[in-house]
Every structure is written in C-alpha cells, then in structure tokens.
C-alpha cells in the first residue's frame, strides 16, 4: 500500500470514530436525562 492510501484510510477511520463517539455521547446524555425524569416522577 502506498502512504497516501494509508493516510486516507486513517483519516476516514478517524471521522467514523469521531461520529460514533458523538452519537454514543448523545445517547448516554439522553438516557441520563430520561432516568432522572423517571426518578423524579416516582418521588
């Protein structure tokens, strides 16, 4: 493989990982908000 190909693959992987990280962070925040709301409703 040429250096350029490897560089493109690494950049592509980095973008995918960053997007996955953002999505999981949003999901966790939403779950926490939902959990807090359910807990407060029970009290």
N, C-alpha and C. Protein backbone atom coordinates (compact mmCIF):
# COMPACT_ATOMS: atom_id res chain seq x y z
N UNK A 1 0.84 -1.20 0.00
CA UNK A 1 0.00 0.00 0.00
C UNK A 1 0.87 1.25 0.00
N UNK A 2 0.40 2.22 -0.71
CA UNK A 2 1.12 3.48 -0.75
C UNK A 2 0.79 4.30 0.50
N UNK A 3 1.69 5.19 0.84
CA UNK A 3 1.48 6.02 2.03
C UNK A 3 0.18 6.82 1.92
N UNK A 4 -0.11 7.30 0.73
CA UNK A 4 -1.32 8.10 0.53
C UNK A 4 -2.58 7.30 0.83
N UNK A 5 -2.59 6.04 0.41
CA UNK A 5 -3.76 5.18 0.66
C UNK A 5 -3.96 4.98 2.15
N UNK A 6 -2.87 4.72 2.85
CA UNK A 6 -2.93 4.50 4.30
C UNK A 6 -3.41 5.78 4.98
N UNK A 7 -2.90 6.90 4.54
CA UNK A 7 -3.29 8.19 5.12
C UNK A 7 -4.79 8.42 4.95
N UNK A 8 -5.31 8.12 3.76
CA UNK A 8 -6.74 8.29 3.51
C UNK A 8 -7.57 7.36 4.38
N UNK A 9 -7.12 6.11 4.53
CA UNK A 9 -7.84 5.16 5.37
C UNK A 9 -7.87 5.61 6.83
N UNK A 10 -6.74 6.10 7.31
CA UNK A 10 -6.67 6.56 8.70
C UNK A 10 -7.59 7.75 8.91
N UNK A 11 -7.59 8.70 7.97
CA UNK A 11 -8.46 9.87 8.10
C UNK A 11 -9.93 9.46 8.07
N UNK A 12 -10.26 8.53 7.20
CA UNK A 12 -11.63 8.04 7.10
C UNK A 12 -12.04 7.37 8.41
N UNK A 13 -11.18 6.53 8.95
CA UNK A 13 -11.47 5.84 10.20
C UNK A 13 -11.64 6.84 11.34
N UNK A 14 -10.82 7.87 11.33
CA UNK A 14 -10.90 8.89 12.37
C UNK A 14 -12.26 9.59 12.34
N UNK A 15 -12.72 9.93 11.14
CA UNK A 15 -14.03 10.59 11.01
C UNK A 15 -15.14 9.68 11.51
N UNK A 16 -15.08 8.41 11.16
CA UNK A 16 -16.10 7.45 11.59
C UNK A 16 -16.10 7.33 13.11
N UNK A 17 -14.93 7.21 13.71
CA UNK A 17 -14.83 7.09 15.16
C UNK A 17 -15.34 8.33 15.88
N UNK A 18 -15.02 9.50 15.34
CA UNK A 18 -15.50 10.74 15.95
C UNK A 18 -17.02 10.80 15.90
N UNK A 19 -17.61 10.39 14.78
CA UNK A 19 -19.07 10.39 14.64
C UNK A 19 -19.69 9.40 15.62
N UNK A 20 -19.10 8.21 15.73
CA UNK A 20 -19.60 7.21 16.67
C UNK A 20 -19.53 7.73 18.11
N UNK A 21 -18.44 8.41 18.42
CA UNK A 21 -18.26 8.97 19.77
C UNK A 21 -19.34 9.99 20.07
N UNK A 22 -19.61 10.89 19.11
CA UNK A 22 -20.65 11.89 19.29
C UNK A 22 -22.01 11.24 19.51
N UNK A 23 -22.31 10.23 18.69
CA UNK A 23 -23.60 9.56 18.79
C UNK A 23 -23.75 8.86 20.14
N UNK A 24 -22.71 8.19 20.60
CA UNK A 24 -22.81 7.49 21.87
C UNK A 24 -22.90 8.48 23.03
N UNK A 25 -22.20 9.59 22.93
CA UNK A 25 -22.28 10.61 23.98
C UNK A 25 -23.69 11.17 24.06
N UNK A 26 -24.30 11.45 22.91
CA UNK A 26 -25.67 11.96 22.89
C UNK A 26 -26.62 10.92 23.48
N UNK A 27 -26.43 9.68 23.11
CA UNK A 27 -27.29 8.60 23.60
C UNK A 27 -27.21 8.49 25.11
N UNK A 28 -25.98 8.54 25.65
CA UNK A 28 -25.79 8.44 27.10
C UNK A 28 -26.45 9.63 27.80
N UNK A 29 -26.29 10.83 27.26
CA UNK A 29 -26.90 12.01 27.86
C UNK A 29 -28.41 11.89 27.85
N UNK A 30 -28.98 11.40 26.75
CA UNK A 30 -30.43 11.23 26.67
C UNK A 30 -30.91 10.20 27.68
N UNK A 31 -30.16 9.10 27.82
CA UNK A 31 -30.53 8.07 28.79
C UNK A 31 -30.50 8.63 30.21
N UNK A 32 -29.48 9.42 30.52
CA UNK A 32 -29.38 10.02 31.85
C UNK A 32 -30.54 10.97 32.12
N UNK A 33 -30.87 11.78 31.15
CA UNK A 33 -31.98 12.72 31.30
C UNK A 33 -33.29 11.96 31.52
N UNK A 34 -33.48 10.91 30.76
CA UNK A 34 -34.68 10.09 30.89
C UNK A 34 -34.73 9.44 32.28
N UNK A 35 -33.62 8.92 32.72
CA UNK A 35 -33.55 8.27 34.03
C UNK A 35 -33.86 9.26 35.15
N UNK A 36 -33.28 10.47 35.05
CA UNK A 36 -33.53 11.50 36.06
C UNK A 36 -35.01 11.84 36.11
N UNK A 37 -35.62 12.00 34.93
CA UNK A 37 -37.03 12.36 34.87
C UNK A 37 -37.89 11.26 35.50
N UNK A 38 -37.60 10.01 35.17
CA UNK A 38 -38.38 8.89 35.72
C UNK A 38 -38.22 8.83 37.24
N UNK A 39 -37.01 9.08 37.71
CA UNK A 39 -36.75 9.04 39.15
C UNK A 39 -37.50 10.14 39.86
N UNK A 40 -37.48 11.33 39.29
CA UNK A 40 -38.18 12.46 39.91
C UNK A 40 -39.69 12.24 39.89
N UNK A 41 -40.19 11.63 38.83
CA UNK A 41 -41.63 11.38 38.75
C UNK A 41 -42.07 10.39 39.83
N UNK A 42 -41.20 9.47 40.19
CA UNK A 42 -41.55 8.45 41.21
C UNK A 42 -41.56 9.04 42.62
N UNK A 43 -40.75 10.07 42.82
CA UNK A 43 -40.63 10.64 44.17
C UNK A 43 -41.86 11.47 44.54
